[in-house]
Protein backbone atom coordinates (compact mmCIF):
# COMPACT_ATOMS: atom_id res chain seq x y z
CA UNK A 1 -0.56 -38.25 34.01
CA UNK A 2 -1.09 -34.54 33.62
CA UNK A 3 -4.88 -34.98 33.08
CA UNK A 4 -5.59 -36.71 36.42
CA UNK A 5 -6.22 -33.53 38.51
CA UNK A 6 -8.52 -32.19 35.80
CA UNK A 7 -10.49 -35.42 35.57
CA UNK A 8 -10.83 -35.57 39.37
CA UNK A 9 -12.21 -32.02 39.48
CA UNK A 10 -14.67 -32.75 36.70
CA UNK A 11 -15.82 -35.95 38.45
CA UNK A 12 -16.27 -34.02 41.68
CA UNK A 13 -18.34 -31.40 39.87
CA UNK A 14 -20.49 -34.14 38.30
CA UNK A 15 -21.08 -35.62 41.77
CA UNK A 16 -22.04 -32.22 43.23
CA UNK A 17 -24.53 -31.59 40.42
CA UNK A 18 -26.17 -34.89 41.22
CA UNK A 19 -26.20 -34.41 45.01
CA UNK A 20 -26.89 -30.65 45.12
CA UNK A 21 -28.70 -29.58 41.95
CA UNK A 22 -29.84 -26.41 43.71
CA UNK A 23 -26.29 -25.03 44.19
CA UNK A 24 -25.32 -21.94 42.24
CA UNK A 25 -22.32 -21.70 39.96
CA UNK A 26 -20.51 -19.59 42.53
CA UNK A 27 -21.04 -22.21 45.27
CA UNK A 28 -19.84 -25.00 42.98
CA UNK A 29 -16.73 -22.98 42.03
CA UNK A 30 -15.89 -22.36 45.71
CA UNK A 31 -16.26 -26.05 46.56
CA UNK A 32 -14.29 -27.40 43.58
CA UNK A 33 -11.64 -24.67 43.75
CA UNK A 34 -11.98 -23.66 40.11
CA UNK A 35 -12.87 -20.43 38.38
CA UNK A 36 -16.45 -19.41 37.71
CA UNK A 37 -15.90 -19.60 33.95
CA UNK A 38 -14.55 -23.14 34.24
CA UNK A 39 -17.57 -24.23 36.29
CA UNK A 40 -20.07 -22.70 33.84
CA UNK A 41 -18.43 -24.48 30.89
CA UNK A 42 -18.36 -27.90 32.55
CA UNK A 43 -21.82 -27.66 34.11
CA UNK A 44 -23.23 -27.22 30.61
CA UNK A 45 -21.18 -30.13 29.23
CA UNK A 46 -22.09 -32.47 32.09
CA UNK A 47 -25.81 -31.67 31.87
CA UNK A 48 -25.84 -32.16 28.09
CA UNK A 49 -24.06 -35.54 28.38
CA UNK A 50 -25.99 -38.80 28.91
CA UNK A 51 -26.46 -39.95 32.51
CA UNK A 52 -23.59 -42.02 33.97
CA UNK A 53 -21.40 -41.20 30.95
CA UNK A 54 -17.83 -40.92 32.19
CA UNK A 55 -16.27 -40.26 28.76
CA UNK A 56 -17.35 -36.63 29.05
CA UNK A 57 -14.93 -36.22 31.96
CA UNK A 58 -11.97 -36.60 29.59
CA UNK A 59 -12.96 -33.62 27.47
CA UNK A 60 -13.62 -33.31 23.78
CA UNK A 61 -11.20 -34.66 21.16
CA UNK A 62 -9.02 -31.90 19.72
CA UNK A 63 -8.23 -33.55 16.42
CA UNK A 64 -9.59 -32.23 13.16
CA UNK A 65 -13.04 -33.68 12.40
CA UNK A 66 -12.93 -33.10 8.67
CA UNK A 67 -10.12 -33.87 6.21
CA UNK A 68 -7.90 -31.04 5.11
CA UNK A 69 -9.02 -29.53 1.80
CA UNK A 70 -7.00 -30.88 -1.09
CA UNK A 71 -5.44 -28.53 -3.59
CA UNK A 72 -6.62 -29.03 -7.18
CA UNK A 73 -3.98 -30.69 -9.45
CA UNK A 74 -4.30 -27.87 -11.96
CA UNK A 75 -3.57 -25.28 -9.28
CA UNK A 76 -0.60 -27.31 -8.06
CA UNK A 77 0.69 -27.60 -11.62
CA UNK A 78 0.34 -23.83 -12.05
CA UNK A 79 2.27 -23.17 -8.83
CA UNK A 80 5.20 -25.22 -10.12
CA UNK A 81 5.03 -23.52 -13.52
CA UNK A 82 5.17 -20.06 -11.95
CA UNK A 83 8.12 -21.17 -9.85
CA UNK A 84 10.08 -22.46 -12.85
CA UNK A 85 9.08 -19.75 -15.36
CA UNK A 86 8.25 -16.47 -13.61
CA UNK A 87 5.50 -14.55 -15.48
CA UNK A 88 5.24 -10.89 -16.40
CA UNK A 89 9.02 -10.40 -16.84
CA UNK A 90 9.82 -11.13 -13.20
CA UNK A 91 13.63 -11.39 -13.01
CA UNK A 92 13.88 -13.48 -9.87
CA UNK A 93 12.72 -16.81 -8.48
CA UNK A 94 9.25 -16.16 -7.04
CA UNK A 95 8.60 -17.15 -3.47
CA UNK A 96 5.27 -18.20 -1.91
CA UNK A 97 4.06 -14.60 -1.59
CA UNK A 98 4.77 -13.77 -5.22
CA UNK A 99 3.21 -17.05 -6.39
CA UNK A 100 0.07 -16.28 -4.37
CA UNK A 101 -0.15 -12.95 -6.20
CA UNK A 102 0.21 -14.49 -9.67
CA UNK A 103 -2.30 -17.29 -8.95
CA UNK A 104 -5.02 -14.71 -8.32
CA UNK A 105 -4.26 -13.19 -11.76
CA UNK A 106 -4.14 -16.44 -13.73
CA UNK A 107 -6.85 -16.37 -16.42
CA UNK A 108 -7.19 -20.16 -16.76
CA UNK A 109 -7.69 -20.69 -13.03
CA UNK A 110 -10.20 -17.85 -12.89
CA UNK A 111 -12.10 -19.35 -15.84
CA UNK A 112 -12.48 -22.73 -14.10
CA UNK A 113 -13.33 -21.00 -10.78
CA UNK A 114 -10.96 -23.30 -8.93
CA UNK A 115 -10.39 -22.69 -5.20
CA UNK A 116 -7.00 -21.07 -4.71
CA UNK A 117 -4.70 -21.30 -1.69
CA UNK A 118 -5.31 -18.60 0.86
CA UNK A 119 -1.98 -18.79 2.68
CA UNK A 120 1.65 -18.89 1.66
CA UNK A 121 2.11 -21.94 3.88
CA UNK A 122 0.02 -24.06 1.47
CA UNK A 123 2.20 -22.95 -1.45
CA UNK A 124 5.34 -23.58 0.58
CA UNK A 125 4.20 -27.16 1.23
CA UNK A 126 3.66 -27.74 -2.51
CA UNK A 127 7.12 -26.38 -3.33
CA UNK A 128 8.67 -28.41 -0.54
CA UNK A 129 6.94 -31.60 -1.65
CA UNK A 130 8.28 -31.25 -5.20
CA UNK A 131 11.84 -30.44 -4.12
CA UNK A 132 11.75 -26.75 -5.07
CA UNK A 133 12.72 -25.76 -1.54
CA UNK A 134 15.54 -27.68 0.10
CA UNK A 135 16.09 -27.34 3.80
CA UNK A 136 19.71 -26.51 4.64
CA UNK A 137 21.67 -29.25 6.31
CA UNK A 138 22.54 -28.25 9.85
CA UNK A 139 26.08 -29.18 10.67
CA UNK A 140 26.78 -30.25 14.25
CA UNK A 141 28.47 -27.52 16.27
CA UNK A 142 32.22 -27.75 16.28
CA UNK A 143 34.18 -26.83 19.42
CA UNK A 144 36.59 -23.93 19.12
CA UNK A 145 40.15 -24.91 18.49
CA UNK A 146 42.14 -23.91 21.51
CA UNK A 147 45.46 -22.14 21.04
CA UNK A 148 48.53 -23.12 23.00
CA UNK A 149 48.45 -22.24 26.70
CA UNK A 150 49.28 -18.59 27.48
CA UNK A 151 49.60 -17.67 23.79
CA UNK A 152 46.23 -15.93 23.25
CA UNK A 153 44.32 -13.77 25.72
CA UNK A 154 40.87 -12.21 25.76
CA UNK A 155 40.04 -9.08 27.75
CA UNK A 156 36.86 -7.19 28.60
CA UNK A 157 35.22 -5.03 31.24
CA UNK A 158 32.55 -6.31 33.64
CA UNK A 159 30.51 -3.76 35.58
CA UNK A 160 29.66 -4.30 39.23
CA UNK A 161 26.03 -3.23 38.93
CA UNK A 162 25.27 -3.68 42.64
CA UNK A 163 27.41 -0.67 43.52
CA UNK A 164 25.05 2.34 43.65
CA UNK A 165 25.85 5.02 41.11
CA UNK A 166 27.05 8.42 42.20
CA UNK A 167 23.99 10.72 41.91
CA UNK A 168 26.28 13.51 40.67
CA UNK A 169 28.24 11.26 38.32
CA UNK A 170 27.82 10.70 34.58
CA UNK A 171 28.16 6.92 34.53
CA UNK A 172 25.48 4.47 35.56
CA UNK A 173 28.03 1.94 36.83
CA UNK A 174 31.21 3.49 38.16
CA UNK A 175 33.02 0.35 39.38
CA UNK A 176 34.22 -2.08 36.73
CA UNK A 177 36.50 -5.10 36.54
CA UNK A 178 39.01 -5.59 33.71
CA UNK A 179 39.43 -9.34 33.29
CA UNK A 180 42.13 -11.17 31.33
CA UNK A 181 41.36 -14.79 30.40
CA UNK A 182 43.77 -17.16 28.66
CA UNK A 183 42.02 -18.97 25.80
CA UNK A 184 44.21 -22.06 25.96
CA UNK A 185 43.60 -22.83 29.63
CA UNK A 186 40.55 -20.75 30.76
CA UNK A 187 42.73 -19.34 33.55
CA UNK A 188 41.89 -15.84 34.76
CA UNK A 189 45.35 -14.31 34.52
CA UNK A 190 44.46 -10.98 36.07
CA UNK A 191 41.45 -9.04 37.27
CA UNK A 192 41.76 -5.30 37.91
CA UNK A 193 39.05 -3.35 39.78
CA UNK A 194 38.76 0.38 39.17
CA UNK A 195 36.16 3.05 39.84
CA UNK A 196 36.98 5.07 36.72
CA UNK A 197 38.19 3.00 33.80
CA UNK A 198 38.85 5.15 30.74
CA UNK A 199 41.31 4.98 27.85
CA UNK A 200 44.29 6.01 29.98
CA UNK A 201 43.60 3.86 33.03
CA UNK A 202 42.77 0.85 30.84
CA UNK A 203 46.11 1.18 29.03
CA UNK A 204 47.99 1.57 32.30
CA UNK A 205 46.27 -1.49 33.74
CA UNK A 206 47.20 -3.50 30.64
CA UNK A 207 50.81 -2.33 30.90
CA UNK A 208 50.93 -3.52 34.53
CA UNK A 209 49.49 -6.91 33.56
CA UNK A 210 51.98 -7.38 30.73
CA UNK A 211 54.86 -6.37 32.99
CA UNK A 212 53.80 -9.07 35.46
CA UNK A 213 52.65 -11.87 33.13
CA UNK A 214 54.76 -11.35 30.01
CA UNK A 215 53.73 -10.93 26.37
CA UNK A 216 51.29 -13.30 24.63
CA UNK A 217 51.08 -13.69 20.86
CA UNK A 218 47.66 -12.03 20.63
CA UNK A 219 45.02 -10.22 22.67
CA UNK A 220 41.35 -10.14 21.64
CA UNK A 221 38.94 -7.40 22.70
CA UNK A 222 35.66 -5.86 21.59
CA UNK A 223 34.94 -2.39 20.19
CA UNK A 224 34.77 -0.65 23.54
CA UNK A 225 35.86 2.99 22.95
CA UNK A 226 38.43 2.63 25.70
CA UNK A 227 40.13 -0.03 23.58
CA UNK A 228 39.51 1.11 20.01
CA UNK A 229 38.86 4.84 20.39
CA UNK A 230 36.13 6.33 18.24
CA UNK A 231 34.03 3.83 16.30
CA UNK A 232 34.38 6.04 13.23
CA UNK A 233 36.35 9.01 12.06
CA UNK A 234 39.83 8.00 13.23
CA UNK A 235 42.53 7.43 10.67
CA UNK A 236 45.15 5.75 12.85
CA UNK A 237 44.49 2.97 15.39
CA UNK A 238 43.76 3.86 19.02
CA UNK A 239 46.52 4.38 21.54
CA UNK A 240 45.66 1.03 23.15
CA UNK A 241 46.01 -0.85 19.86
CA UNK A 242 49.24 0.95 18.94
CA UNK A 243 50.59 0.15 22.39
CA UNK A 244 50.11 -3.58 21.75
CA UNK A 245 51.52 -3.43 18.22
CA UNK A 246 54.68 -1.71 19.44
CA UNK A 247 55.22 -4.60 21.86
CA UNK A 248 54.84 -7.16 19.06
CA UNK A 249 51.40 -8.37 20.23
CA UNK A 250 48.70 -9.03 17.65
CA UNK A 251 45.58 -6.98 18.45
CA UNK A 252 42.37 -8.78 17.39
CA UNK A 253 39.30 -6.50 17.49
CA UNK A 254 35.94 -8.28 17.40
CA UNK A 255 33.41 -6.99 14.84
CA UNK A 256 30.29 -5.32 16.17
CA UNK A 257 27.60 -7.62 17.61
CA UNK A 258 29.95 -10.65 17.74
CA UNK A 259 30.48 -11.49 21.44
CA UNK A 260 30.99 -15.11 20.37
CA UNK A 261 34.44 -14.12 19.09
CA UNK A 262 35.33 -13.05 22.63
CA UNK A 263 33.61 -16.08 24.10
CA UNK A 264 36.07 -17.14 26.81
CA UNK A 265 36.04 -13.88 28.75
CA UNK A 266 32.30 -13.43 28.10
CA UNK A 267 31.63 -16.88 29.57
CA UNK A 268 33.73 -16.04 32.59
CA UNK A 269 31.73 -12.84 33.09
CA UNK A 270 28.53 -14.85 33.27
CA UNK A 271 30.07 -17.06 35.94
CA UNK A 272 31.39 -14.04 37.82
CA UNK A 273 27.96 -12.38 37.73
CA UNK A 274 25.85 -15.31 38.97
CA UNK A 275 28.34 -16.97 41.34
CA UNK A 276 29.89 -13.90 42.88
CA UNK A 277 28.54 -10.41 42.21
CA UNK A 278 24.82 -11.15 42.55
CA UNK A 279 25.41 -13.34 45.60
CA UNK A 280 27.63 -10.99 47.60
CA UNK A 281 26.16 -7.77 46.14
CA UNK A 282 29.15 -5.52 46.91
CA UNK A 283 28.24 -1.87 47.40
CA UNK A 284 31.62 -0.15 47.17
CA UNK A 285 34.85 -0.35 45.23
CA UNK A 286 36.65 -1.87 48.18
CA UNK A 287 33.98 -4.57 48.59
CA UNK A 288 34.10 -5.34 44.87
CA UNK A 289 37.88 -5.71 45.06
CA UNK A 290 37.60 -8.01 48.07
CA UNK A 291 34.94 -10.39 46.72
CA UNK A 292 36.51 -10.38 43.25
CA UNK A 293 39.95 -11.35 44.56
CA UNK A 294 38.45 -14.22 46.53
CA UNK A 295 36.38 -15.44 43.59
CA UNK A 296 39.29 -15.37 41.12
CA UNK A 297 41.29 -17.60 43.46
CA UNK A 298 38.29 -19.92 43.85
CA UNK A 299 37.68 -20.01 40.08
CA UNK A 300 41.28 -20.81 39.21
CA UNK A 301 42.14 -23.26 41.99
CA UNK A 302 38.93 -24.79 43.44
CA UNK A 303 35.95 -24.56 41.09
CA UNK A 304 35.66 -27.51 38.63
CA UNK A 305 35.61 -26.18 35.08
CA UNK A 306 33.68 -28.05 32.38
CA UNK A 307 35.79 -26.63 29.54
CA UNK A 308 37.17 -29.32 27.26
CA UNK A 309 40.71 -28.26 28.08
CA UNK A 310 40.16 -28.50 31.85
CA UNK A 311 38.40 -31.87 32.00
CA UNK A 312 36.15 -30.96 34.97
CA UNK A 313 39.09 -29.70 36.99
CA UNK A 314 39.96 -26.20 38.18
CA UNK A 315 42.09 -24.47 35.52
CA UNK A 316 45.15 -24.12 37.74
CA UNK A 317 44.90 -27.80 38.63
CA UNK A 318 44.49 -28.93 35.03
CA UNK A 319 47.45 -26.73 34.01
CA UNK A 320 49.77 -26.92 36.97
CA UNK A 321 52.76 -26.07 34.77
CA UNK A 322 52.48 -23.09 32.46
CA UNK A 323 55.00 -21.91 29.89
CA UNK A 324 56.77 -18.68 30.68
CA UNK A 325 56.10 -15.78 28.34
CA UNK A 326 58.66 -13.32 26.93
CA UNK A 327 59.12 -10.33 29.16
CA UNK A 328 58.24 -6.85 28.00
CA UNK A 329 61.27 -5.30 26.28
CA UNK A 330 63.47 -2.86 28.14
CA UNK A 331 63.56 -0.62 25.06
CA UNK A 332 60.61 -0.08 22.72
CA UNK A 333 60.32 1.46 19.28
CA UNK A 334 57.27 3.73 19.71
CA UNK A 335 56.82 3.99 15.93
CA UNK A 336 56.73 0.24 15.29
CA UNK A 337 52.93 0.31 14.92
CA UNK A 338 53.35 2.10 11.60
CA UNK A 339 54.60 -1.12 10.00
CA UNK A 340 51.26 -2.81 10.63
CA UNK A 341 49.37 -0.25 8.55
CA UNK A 342 51.95 0.00 5.79
CA UNK A 343 50.11 0.62 2.51
CA UNK A 344 46.90 1.79 4.18
CA UNK A 345 44.97 4.39 2.17
CA UNK A 346 43.13 7.43 3.51
CA UNK A 347 40.93 9.52 1.19
CA UNK A 348 40.42 13.17 2.09
CA UNK A 349 38.85 16.24 0.53
CA UNK A 350 41.31 19.14 0.35
CA UNK A 351 40.11 22.09 2.40
CA UNK A 352 39.96 25.70 1.19
CA UNK A 353 43.47 26.39 2.57
CA UNK A 354 44.99 23.47 0.66
CA UNK A 355 45.31 21.12 3.65
CA UNK A 356 43.76 17.86 4.79
CA UNK A 357 43.17 16.72 8.36
CA UNK A 358 44.39 13.26 9.36
CA UNK A 359 44.18 12.08 12.94
CA UNK A 360 43.56 15.68 14.02
CA UNK A 361 46.82 16.76 12.36
CA UNK A 362 46.92 19.13 9.38
CA UNK A 363 48.93 18.24 6.23
CA UNK A 364 49.44 20.74 3.42
CA UNK A 365 48.68 19.44 -0.09
CA UNK A 366 48.06 22.26 -2.61
CA UNK A 367 45.85 25.33 -2.78
CA UNK A 368 44.96 24.49 -6.36
CA UNK A 369 43.41 21.17 -5.24
CA UNK A 370 40.94 22.79 -2.82
CA UNK A 371 37.61 20.99 -3.01
CA UNK A 372 39.10 17.90 -4.69
CA UNK A 373 39.81 14.49 -3.21
CA UNK A 374 43.29 13.06 -2.69
CA UNK A 375 44.47 9.61 -1.61
CA UNK A 376 47.14 9.39 1.09
CA UNK A 377 48.99 6.07 1.24
CA UNK A 378 51.16 5.15 4.25
CA UNK A 379 54.81 4.37 3.46
CA UNK A 380 55.98 2.88 6.76
CA UNK A 381 59.59 2.44 5.66
CA UNK A 382 60.09 6.16 4.98
CA UNK A 383 57.45 7.22 7.52
CA UNK A 384 55.68 9.31 4.91
CA UNK A 385 52.34 9.75 3.19
CA UNK A 386 52.39 9.29 -0.58
CA UNK A 387 49.80 11.73 -1.98
CA UNK A 388 47.87 10.50 -5.04
CA UNK A 389 45.58 12.58 -7.21
CA UNK A 390 43.82 11.29 -10.31
CA UNK A 391 45.82 8.04 -10.15
CA UNK A 392 49.15 9.90 -10.10
CA UNK A 393 51.53 10.45 -7.14
CA UNK A 394 51.97 14.19 -6.72
CA UNK A 395 54.08 14.56 -3.56
CA UNK A 396 55.23 13.04 -0.27
CA UNK A 397 54.77 14.45 3.23
CA UNK A 398 56.30 13.23 6.46
CA UNK A 399 53.92 11.65 8.96
CA UNK A 400 53.78 13.89 12.01
CA UNK A 401 53.84 13.11 15.73
CA UNK A 402 56.29 10.21 15.39
CA UNK A 403 58.99 9.81 18.03
CA UNK A 404 61.82 8.63 15.73
CA UNK A 405 63.77 7.29 18.69
CA UNK A 406 63.62 4.27 20.99
CA UNK A 407 62.24 4.68 24.50
CA UNK A 408 62.53 2.75 27.73
CA UNK A 409 59.47 0.68 28.56
CA UNK A 410 58.43 2.98 31.41
CA UNK A 411 58.85 6.08 29.23
CA UNK A 412 56.94 4.32 26.45
CA UNK A 413 54.02 3.55 28.79
CA UNK A 414 54.01 7.15 29.94
CA UNK A 415 53.92 8.40 26.34
CA UNK A 416 51.07 6.08 25.32
CA UNK A 417 49.13 6.97 28.48
CA UNK A 418 49.34 10.63 27.51
CA UNK A 419 48.10 9.83 24.01
CA UNK A 420 45.27 7.71 25.42
CA UNK A 421 44.25 10.59 27.69
CA UNK A 422 44.26 13.01 24.75
CA UNK A 423 42.20 10.51 22.80
CA UNK A 424 39.73 10.27 25.66
CA UNK A 425 39.36 14.04 25.78
CA UNK A 426 38.77 14.23 22.02
CA UNK A 427 36.04 11.61 22.30
CA UNK A 428 34.40 13.43 25.20
CA UNK A 429 34.52 16.70 23.28
CA UNK A 430 32.99 15.08 20.19
CA UNK A 431 30.29 13.50 22.35
CA UNK A 432 29.39 16.89 23.83
CA UNK A 433 29.13 18.31 20.32
CA UNK A 434 26.80 15.45 19.42
CA UNK A 435 29.06 13.99 16.74
């Protein structure tokens, strides 16, 4: 019934033309409530139509009045021949664009002066009709397989964009929320608000969460520099990643441009944005902390969740009983991360003084190899680099900056926080240099 208002306006205009033939287009437009262009178009149509003809009120048919031009069988045959046997030494299967090019150069078709297709769409239809192009079968989407409750977490930062930025600050959004979501239950395990999240504060926040919640099997996060350090140029993993590895937690880093691999926390961020932050519009760190704490409790205990695991119940209701996780160890081996990269290779060009730089640490190779490339392979068992040159091992050097002794958990967190801070400073320095 979408045409009824249009038909009524056209009928009213027809009536006005009959009753007031002296009215101008502007007067008719004001009375009908339509634009001047609309009135001019329909006045012409109504005056050209026979008297008392109501079919004109329904507009003109929009269907094609002439049949589509048919492609000549010889041209169609030539299209298929070009597809099967590419001419002029073409070493690939020609597509519609290439076929269109070769048709215009075909001597036989030019001799008969046959009409050729003018668009690639016509050629595509011919190829499709003869089975030369097969549409891929779209498989129905499959739901993600959920891990066991509390075994796999996802983490990410969410900025509170309603907080006005400091005019003298360097960041656009200074207040952020670090959220931890359990993949198996959709429960928000923790949510930390901070006005200055960087590599050190992010690691300290994660240490506090692990101390309170226990250790999962894995934690997934994106390529935020505060998690992974520099996107390029680093030889060893970031302090944050090494921190998790030393605790026996698998660190899963999402590839670039793949937020779907961190989907649970990303989906929660959308809910947090539209159901909390944009509604309450907090304007300070304290207000963000207040509304966020209230919303997390609402999300976990009151808000029905349509996730398959929750069954339209709040997550804490659907999973009233949760398994307890292993506690963080009292004593940690701070060099345990080296086992994860055992056998990793790093290729470096020897500098003029016979050294190479790995993770901002200098290792002496040989003066005679200056300007040549060497391969350094990690031997985690002996905590050494095996130096290879021209497919031959030439020497071993000890990996520097290792602790070689166990530390208490608190001392371990302090050590990794210092390394994260140094990492943050290196990144800031490189950014200032424009690297």
